[in-house]
């Protein structure tokens, strides 16, 4: 009939709201899980730098941030300037 059937096709188009919502929800769950995995892996690598006794030593977080800032300034000066 072609007169704006209102999503009865079930073909995954935007008109089929339930399919779109399910797809977005599944994608969001995968993204959230990946982000958490990356955050956990990163924190396990840098956890020792968050020891308050080391904060102002060459091994502490302050030194790591300064090294990162230098690297960022060398690789992407506009971004470093914006931060």
C-alpha atoms as a PDB file:
ATOM      1  CA  UNK A   1       0.000   0.000   0.000  1.00  0.00           C
ATOM      2  CA  UNK A   2       3.006   2.373   0.483  1.00  0.00           C
ATOM      3  CA  UNK A   3       1.043   5.030   2.426  1.00  0.00           C
ATOM      4  CA  UNK A   4       3.195   5.370   5.573  1.00  0.00           C
ATOM      5  CA  UNK A   5       2.531   1.979   7.089  1.00  0.00           C
ATOM      6  CA  UNK A   6       4.168   2.902  10.395  1.00  0.00           C
ATOM      7  CA  UNK A   7       6.905   0.308  10.784  1.00  0.00           C
ATOM      8  CA  UNK A   8       5.141  -2.908   9.958  1.00  0.00           C
ATOM      9  CA  UNK A   9       7.941  -4.155   7.723  1.00  0.00           C
ATOM     10  CA  UNK A  10      10.197  -5.595  10.436  1.00  0.00           C
ATOM     11  CA  UNK A  11      13.229  -4.989   8.229  1.00  0.00           C
ATOM     12  CA  UNK A  12      15.286  -3.218  10.911  1.00  0.00           C
ATOM     13  CA  UNK A  13      14.647   0.233   9.492  1.00  0.00           C
ATOM     14  CA  UNK A  14      14.121   3.233  11.723  1.00  0.00           C
ATOM     15  CA  UNK A  15      10.404   2.669  11.409  1.00  0.00           C
ATOM     16  CA  UNK A  16      10.751  -0.608  13.284  1.00  0.00           C
ATOM     17  CA  UNK A  17      11.345   0.986  16.691  1.00  0.00           C
ATOM     18  CA  UNK A  18      11.686  -2.148  18.802  1.00  0.00           C
ATOM     19  CA  UNK A  19      14.423  -3.599  16.613  1.00  0.00           C
ATOM     20  CA  UNK A  20      16.322  -0.291  16.603  1.00  0.00           C
ATOM     21  CA  UNK A  21      16.089   0.057  20.381  1.00  0.00           C
ATOM     22  CA  UNK A  22      17.300  -3.513  20.886  1.00  0.00           C
ATOM     23  CA  UNK A  23      20.215  -2.952  18.512  1.00  0.00           C
ATOM     24  CA  UNK A  24      21.234   0.306  20.215  1.00  0.00           C
ATOM     25  CA  UNK A  25      20.966  -1.315  23.645  1.00  0.00           C
ATOM     26  CA  UNK A  26      23.143  -4.257  22.585  1.00  0.00           C
ATOM     27  CA  UNK A  27      25.739  -1.929  21.073  1.00  0.00           C
ATOM     28  CA  UNK A  28      25.770   0.225  24.217  1.00  0.00           C
ATOM     29  CA  UNK A  29      26.340  -2.831  26.423  1.00  0.00           C
ATOM     30  CA  UNK A  30      29.269  -3.930  24.245  1.00  0.00           C
ATOM     31  CA  UNK A  31      30.787  -0.442  24.290  1.00  0.00           C
ATOM     32  CA  UNK A  32      30.378  -0.186  28.046  1.00  0.00           C
ATOM     33  CA  UNK A  33      32.029  -3.568  28.589  1.00  0.00           C
ATOM     34  CA  UNK A  34      34.948  -2.670  26.289  1.00  0.00           C
ATOM     35  CA  UNK A  35      35.427   0.682  28.007  1.00  0.00           C
ATOM     36  CA  UNK A  36      35.437  -0.952  31.442  1.00  0.00           C
ATOM     37  CA  UNK A  37      37.957  -3.559  30.259  1.00  0.00           C
ATOM     38  CA  UNK A  38      40.253  -0.831  28.896  1.00  0.00           C
ATOM     39  CA  UNK A  39      39.928   1.245  32.071  1.00  0.00           C
ATOM     40  CA  UNK A  40      40.685  -1.779  34.262  1.00  0.00           C
ATOM     41  CA  UNK A  41      43.719  -2.716  32.164  1.00  0.00           C
ATOM     42  CA  UNK A  42      44.999   0.869  32.252  1.00  0.00           C
ATOM     43  CA  UNK A  43      44.535   1.171  36.012  1.00  0.00           C
ATOM     44  CA  UNK A  44      46.332  -2.121  36.637  1.00  0.00           C
ATOM     45  CA  UNK A  45      49.312  -0.733  34.709  1.00  0.00           C
ATOM     46  CA  UNK A  46      49.452   2.607  36.534  1.00  0.00           C
ATOM     47  CA  UNK A  47      48.235   1.700  40.026  1.00  0.00           C
ATOM     48  CA  UNK A  48      51.723   1.908  41.524  1.00  0.00           C
ATOM     49  CA  UNK A  49      52.009   5.524  40.401  1.00  0.00           C
ATOM     50  CA  UNK A  50      49.152   6.469  42.720  1.00  0.00           C
ATOM     51  CA  UNK A  51      51.041   5.680  45.927  1.00  0.00           C
ATOM     52  CA  UNK A  52      51.088   8.918  47.951  1.00  0.00           C
ATOM     53  CA  UNK A  53      54.644   8.226  49.150  1.00  0.00           C
ATOM     54  CA  UNK A  54      55.826   8.332  45.531  1.00  0.00           C
ATOM     55  CA  UNK A  55      53.750  11.327  44.357  1.00  0.00           C
ATOM     56  CA  UNK A  56      56.660  13.725  44.082  1.00  0.00           C
ATOM     57  CA  UNK A  57      59.360  11.269  43.008  1.00  0.00           C
ATOM     58  CA  UNK A  58      60.454  10.134  39.548  1.00  0.00           C
ATOM     59  CA  UNK A  59      58.124   7.125  39.914  1.00  0.00           C
ATOM     60  CA  UNK A  60      55.043   8.975  41.113  1.00  0.00           C
ATOM     61  CA  UNK A  61      51.993  10.293  39.357  1.00  0.00           C
ATOM     62  CA  UNK A  62      53.323  13.861  39.177  1.00  0.00           C
ATOM     63  CA  UNK A  63      56.339  12.739  37.156  1.00  0.00           C
ATOM     64  CA  UNK A  64      54.160  10.559  34.918  1.00  0.00           C
ATOM     65  CA  UNK A  65      51.827  13.449  34.170  1.00  0.00           C
ATOM     66  CA  UNK A  66      54.776  15.713  33.361  1.00  0.00           C
ATOM     67  CA  UNK A  67      56.221  13.075  30.992  1.00  0.00           C
ATOM     68  CA  UNK A  68      52.824  12.651  29.348  1.00  0.00           C
ATOM     69  CA  UNK A  69      52.420  16.425  28.957  1.00  0.00           C
ATOM     70  CA  UNK A  70      55.838  16.613  27.279  1.00  0.00           C
ATOM     71  CA  UNK A  71      55.004  13.764  24.925  1.00  0.00           C
ATOM     72  CA  UNK A  72      51.648  15.303  24.075  1.00  0.00           C
ATOM     73  CA  UNK A  73      53.267  18.681  23.404  1.00  0.00           C
ATOM     74  CA  UNK A  74      55.756  17.028  21.036  1.00  0.00           C
ATOM     75  CA  UNK A  75      53.181  14.917  19.183  1.00  0.00           C
ATOM     76  CA  UNK A  76      50.161  17.257  19.133  1.00  0.00           C
ATOM     77  CA  UNK A  77      51.000  20.856  20.111  1.00  0.00           C
ATOM     78  CA  UNK A  78      47.492  22.260  19.431  1.00  0.00           C
ATOM     79  CA  UNK A  79      45.888  19.659  21.689  1.00  0.00           C
ATOM     80  CA  UNK A  80      48.499  20.195  24.391  1.00  0.00           C
ATOM     81  CA  UNK A  81      47.909  23.951  24.234  1.00  0.00           C
ATOM     82  CA  UNK A  82      44.163  23.432  24.541  1.00  0.00           C
ATOM     83  CA  UNK A  83      44.609  21.379  27.694  1.00  0.00           C
END
